[in-house]
Amino acid sequence: MRKLLILCAALFCLSLSASAQDFAAAPDAVSPASDPAPPAAPASLIPADRDPWQVGVGFEYLHYSVLGLKFHDLGYQANVTRYFSNWFGIEGTAIMGFGNAGSNPNIDAKSLFLGGGAHVSVYNSNHLEPWVHVLVGWDRFRFTQNSGYGVNGHAAFLAGGGLDYKIRAGRIYWRVQGDYIGTNVGPSLSTNYSFGTGLVLNF
């Protein structure tokens, strides 16, 4: 009986010692998890890459002074830009104009510009995004066949810029732009310009 009591007392002491060790080790095991996680950066401070493709369509007012004629065309423009970073892309543009180059005699004047080149924008999280572009290509004019002017074309360039207003979560922009168009149709380089507006889709 005495031996049994001694054995029970020894087991009780061992269990108390094990419990004390577990209690002492518990804070070390819990302390890393109890440390508060560092606060996440606000979403507005995390930069987001822009969509790589941009397609735009719109209307253009074009003023030309070529072959001794001064006239304006109203027309359409379409462009595609492939961005390789948040600010730099390669753009391709087509502008088709229809107008009248005189009233006596009446001369119909049609214009077509096809070109491509660099497109640089100031990408940001605001609603307004300015940009500039420089394109090289071809300008072609077609006048009423019996006017004596016929069809004329020459290498040309277009340089200008604009402002995009982000309408819906950065996917749809409303664009306004102005450009200088230089073409050598005729005896010398002519000074022409255009203004336009339209919509841009990013994807």
Protein backbone atom coordinates (compact mmCIF):
# COMPACT_ATOMS: atom_id res chain seq x y z
CA MET A 1 0.00 0.00 0.00
CA ARG A 2 2.82 2.37 0.86
CA LYS A 3 4.55 1.62 -2.44
CA LEU A 4 1.32 2.40 -4.33
CA LEU A 5 1.01 5.79 -2.64
CA ILE A 6 4.62 6.62 -3.47
CA LEU A 7 4.02 5.65 -7.15
CA CYS A 8 0.87 7.80 -7.37
CA ALA A 9 2.68 10.77 -5.84
CA ALA A 10 5.53 10.41 -8.36
CA LEU A 11 3.10 10.31 -11.32
CA PHE A 12 1.30 13.39 -9.96
CA CYS A 13 4.60 15.32 -9.73
CA LEU A 14 5.58 14.31 -13.27
CA SER A 15 2.21 15.46 -14.65
CA LEU A 16 2.56 18.84 -12.92
CA SER A 17 6.05 19.29 -14.35
CA ALA A 18 4.83 18.48 -17.91
CA SER A 19 1.93 20.91 -17.58
CA ALA A 20 4.27 23.68 -16.43
CA GLN A 21 6.55 23.09 -19.45
CA ASP A 22 3.60 23.20 -21.90
CA PHE A 23 2.35 26.43 -20.35
CA ALA A 24 5.78 28.04 -20.62
CA ALA A 25 6.16 27.00 -24.29
CA ALA A 26 2.64 28.05 -25.33
CA PRO A 27 3.32 31.82 -25.57
CA ASP A 28 6.33 31.20 -27.86
CA ALA A 29 4.16 29.13 -30.17
CA VAL A 30 1.35 31.66 -30.20
CA SER A 31 3.34 34.87 -30.31
CA PRO A 32 4.22 34.82 -34.07
CA ALA A 33 0.57 34.35 -35.00
CA SER A 34 -0.53 37.00 -32.55
CA ASP A 35 1.64 39.67 -34.20
CA PRO A 36 -0.61 41.90 -36.33
CA ALA A 37 -0.12 41.61 -40.09
CA PRO A 38 1.30 44.70 -41.82
CA PRO A 39 -1.47 46.85 -43.32
CA ALA A 40 -2.10 46.37 -47.04
CA ALA A 41 -1.30 49.24 -49.36
CA PRO A 42 -4.35 51.20 -50.51
CA ALA A 43 -5.61 50.04 -53.90
CA SER A 44 -5.17 53.52 -55.35
CA LEU A 45 -1.39 53.35 -54.72
CA ILE A 46 -0.90 50.04 -56.52
CA PRO A 47 -0.02 50.71 -60.18
CA ALA A 48 -2.11 48.84 -62.73
CA ASP A 49 -0.88 48.15 -66.26
CA ARG A 50 -2.98 49.51 -69.07
CA ASP A 51 -4.71 47.32 -71.62
CA PRO A 52 -2.37 46.52 -74.53
CA TRP A 53 -4.82 47.33 -77.35
CA GLN A 54 -6.71 50.51 -78.14
CA VAL A 55 -9.19 51.00 -81.01
CA GLY A 56 -10.74 54.37 -81.86
CA VAL A 57 -13.31 55.72 -84.31
CA GLY A 58 -14.53 59.26 -84.81
CA PHE A 59 -15.25 62.28 -87.00
CA GLU A 60 -12.72 64.70 -88.51
CA TYR A 61 -12.67 68.21 -89.87
CA LEU A 62 -9.78 68.61 -92.33
CA HIS A 63 -8.52 71.80 -93.97
CA TYR A 64 -6.30 71.42 -97.06
CA SER A 65 -4.34 73.77 -99.26
CA VAL A 66 -2.99 71.75 -102.20
CA LEU A 67 -2.57 72.27 -105.95
CA GLY A 68 -3.68 75.89 -105.62
CA LEU A 69 -6.97 74.83 -104.02
CA LYS A 70 -8.09 75.58 -100.49
CA PHE A 71 -10.90 73.41 -99.22
CA HIS A 72 -12.12 71.48 -96.23
CA ASP A 73 -13.32 67.92 -95.88
CA LEU A 74 -15.57 66.27 -93.33
CA GLY A 75 -14.86 62.64 -92.76
CA TYR A 76 -14.15 59.64 -90.59
CA GLN A 77 -11.07 58.33 -88.89
CA ALA A 78 -10.14 54.96 -87.42
CA ASN A 79 -7.03 54.04 -85.50
CA VAL A 80 -5.46 51.07 -83.73
CA THR A 81 -2.70 51.37 -81.12
CA ARG A 82 -0.67 48.54 -79.65
CA TYR A 83 0.92 49.56 -76.34
CA PHE A 84 4.24 48.02 -75.29
CA SER A 85 4.34 49.84 -71.95
CA ASN A 86 2.04 52.10 -69.96
CA TRP A 87 3.11 55.12 -72.04
CA PHE A 88 4.48 53.96 -75.44
CA GLY A 89 2.68 52.35 -78.35
CA ILE A 90 2.66 51.98 -82.13
CA GLU A 91 -0.36 53.49 -83.88
CA GLY A 92 -1.92 52.95 -87.29
CA THR A 93 -4.45 55.49 -88.56
CA ALA A 94 -6.77 55.93 -91.56
CA ILE A 95 -8.60 59.22 -92.23
CA MET A 96 -11.14 59.50 -95.06
CA GLY A 97 -12.52 62.92 -95.99
CA PHE A 98 -15.27 64.10 -98.32
CA GLY A 99 -15.83 67.70 -99.36
CA ASN A 100 -16.02 70.39 -102.00
CA ALA A 101 -13.07 72.36 -103.41
CA GLY A 102 -14.90 75.06 -105.27
CA SER A 103 -18.25 76.32 -106.51
CA ASN A 104 -17.38 77.61 -109.97
CA PRO A 105 -16.95 75.00 -111.27
CA ASN A 106 -18.11 72.65 -108.57
CA ILE A 107 -15.22 70.30 -107.70
CA ASP A 108 -15.70 67.33 -105.42
CA ALA A 109 -12.65 66.60 -103.28
CA LYS A 110 -11.97 63.32 -101.50
CA SER A 111 -8.95 62.70 -99.30
CA LEU A 112 -7.38 59.63 -97.73
CA PHE A 113 -4.50 59.51 -95.25
CA LEU A 114 -2.91 56.21 -94.23
CA GLY A 115 -0.04 56.22 -91.76
CA GLY A 116 1.64 54.73 -88.75
CA GLY A 117 4.12 55.70 -86.07
CA ALA A 118 4.76 56.40 -82.40
CA HIS A 119 2.02 57.14 -79.86
CA VAL A 120 3.06 58.43 -76.41
CA SER A 121 0.58 59.00 -73.59
CA VAL A 122 0.76 60.17 -69.97
CA TYR A 123 -0.87 57.14 -68.33
CA ASN A 124 -2.40 57.86 -64.92
CA SER A 125 -5.36 57.04 -62.69
CA ASN A 126 -7.09 60.36 -63.31
CA HIS A 127 -9.98 60.92 -65.71
CA LEU A 128 -7.85 62.91 -68.18
CA GLU A 129 -5.01 61.39 -70.18
CA PRO A 130 -3.01 63.58 -72.62
CA TRP A 131 -1.09 62.07 -75.52
CA VAL A 132 0.92 62.93 -78.65
CA HIS A 133 1.68 61.03 -81.85
CA VAL A 134 3.83 61.33 -84.97
CA LEU A 135 2.82 59.30 -88.04
CA VAL A 136 4.32 58.91 -91.49
CA GLY A 137 2.36 57.62 -94.46
CA TRP A 138 0.57 58.56 -97.66
CA ASP A 139 -1.96 61.27 -98.54
CA ARG A 140 -4.16 60.78 -101.58
CA PHE A 141 -6.60 63.24 -103.16
CA ARG A 142 -9.25 62.52 -105.75
CA PHE A 143 -11.03 65.41 -107.44
CA THR A 144 -13.90 65.47 -109.94
CA GLN A 145 -12.43 63.82 -113.02
CA ASN A 146 -13.40 66.57 -115.48
CA SER A 147 -11.85 69.28 -113.28
CA GLY A 148 -8.33 68.70 -114.59
CA TYR A 149 -6.96 67.81 -111.12
CA GLY A 150 -7.68 64.09 -111.21
CA VAL A 151 -5.96 61.84 -108.66
CA ASN A 152 -2.88 62.97 -106.76
CA GLY A 153 -0.91 61.38 -103.97
CA HIS A 154 2.36 61.78 -102.13
CA ALA A 155 4.22 60.83 -98.96
CA ALA A 156 2.93 62.73 -95.95
CA PHE A 157 3.23 62.99 -92.20
CA LEU A 158 0.82 63.78 -89.38
CA ALA A 159 1.86 65.18 -86.00
CA GLY A 160 -0.29 66.32 -83.13
CA GLY A 161 -1.95 65.24 -79.94
CA GLY A 162 -5.08 65.16 -77.91
CA LEU A 163 -6.82 64.47 -74.63
CA ASP A 164 -8.74 61.36 -73.59
CA TYR A 165 -11.50 61.48 -70.99
CA LYS A 166 -12.05 58.12 -69.26
CA ILE A 167 -15.79 57.48 -69.26
CA ARG A 168 -16.18 54.01 -67.80
CA ALA A 169 -13.57 52.35 -65.57
CA GLY A 170 -10.78 53.16 -67.99
CA ARG A 171 -12.21 50.97 -70.77
CA ILE A 172 -14.00 53.62 -72.83
CA TYR A 173 -12.51 57.05 -73.55
CA TRP A 174 -13.93 60.13 -75.21
CA ARG A 175 -11.18 61.70 -77.34
CA VAL A 176 -10.54 65.16 -78.78
CA GLN A 177 -7.48 65.80 -80.94
CA GLY A 178 -5.78 68.21 -83.32
CA ASP A 179 -3.13 67.49 -85.95
CA TYR A 180 -0.85 69.11 -88.48
CA ILE A 181 -0.77 67.32 -91.85
CA GLY A 182 2.20 67.90 -94.12
CA THR A 183 2.04 66.65 -97.70
CA ASN A 184 4.00 67.41 -100.86
CA VAL A 185 1.15 67.22 -103.35
CA GLY A 186 1.95 70.14 -105.67
CA PRO A 187 5.10 72.22 -106.09
CA SER A 188 5.96 72.43 -102.36
CA LEU A 189 5.10 71.16 -98.89
CA SER A 190 1.59 72.28 -98.02
CA THR A 191 0.28 73.21 -94.58
CA ASN A 192 -2.90 71.42 -93.60
CA TYR A 193 -4.60 70.67 -90.31
CA SER A 194 -7.42 68.66 -88.80
CA PHE A 195 -9.58 68.48 -85.68
CA GLY A 196 -11.47 65.44 -84.54
CA THR A 197 -13.43 63.72 -81.81
CA GLY A 198 -14.58 60.19 -81.17
CA LEU A 199 -14.62 57.17 -78.86
CA VAL A 200 -11.78 54.82 -77.87
CA LEU A 201 -12.11 51.24 -76.60
CA ASN A 202 -9.32 49.61 -74.54
CA PHE A 203 -8.99 45.84 -74.26
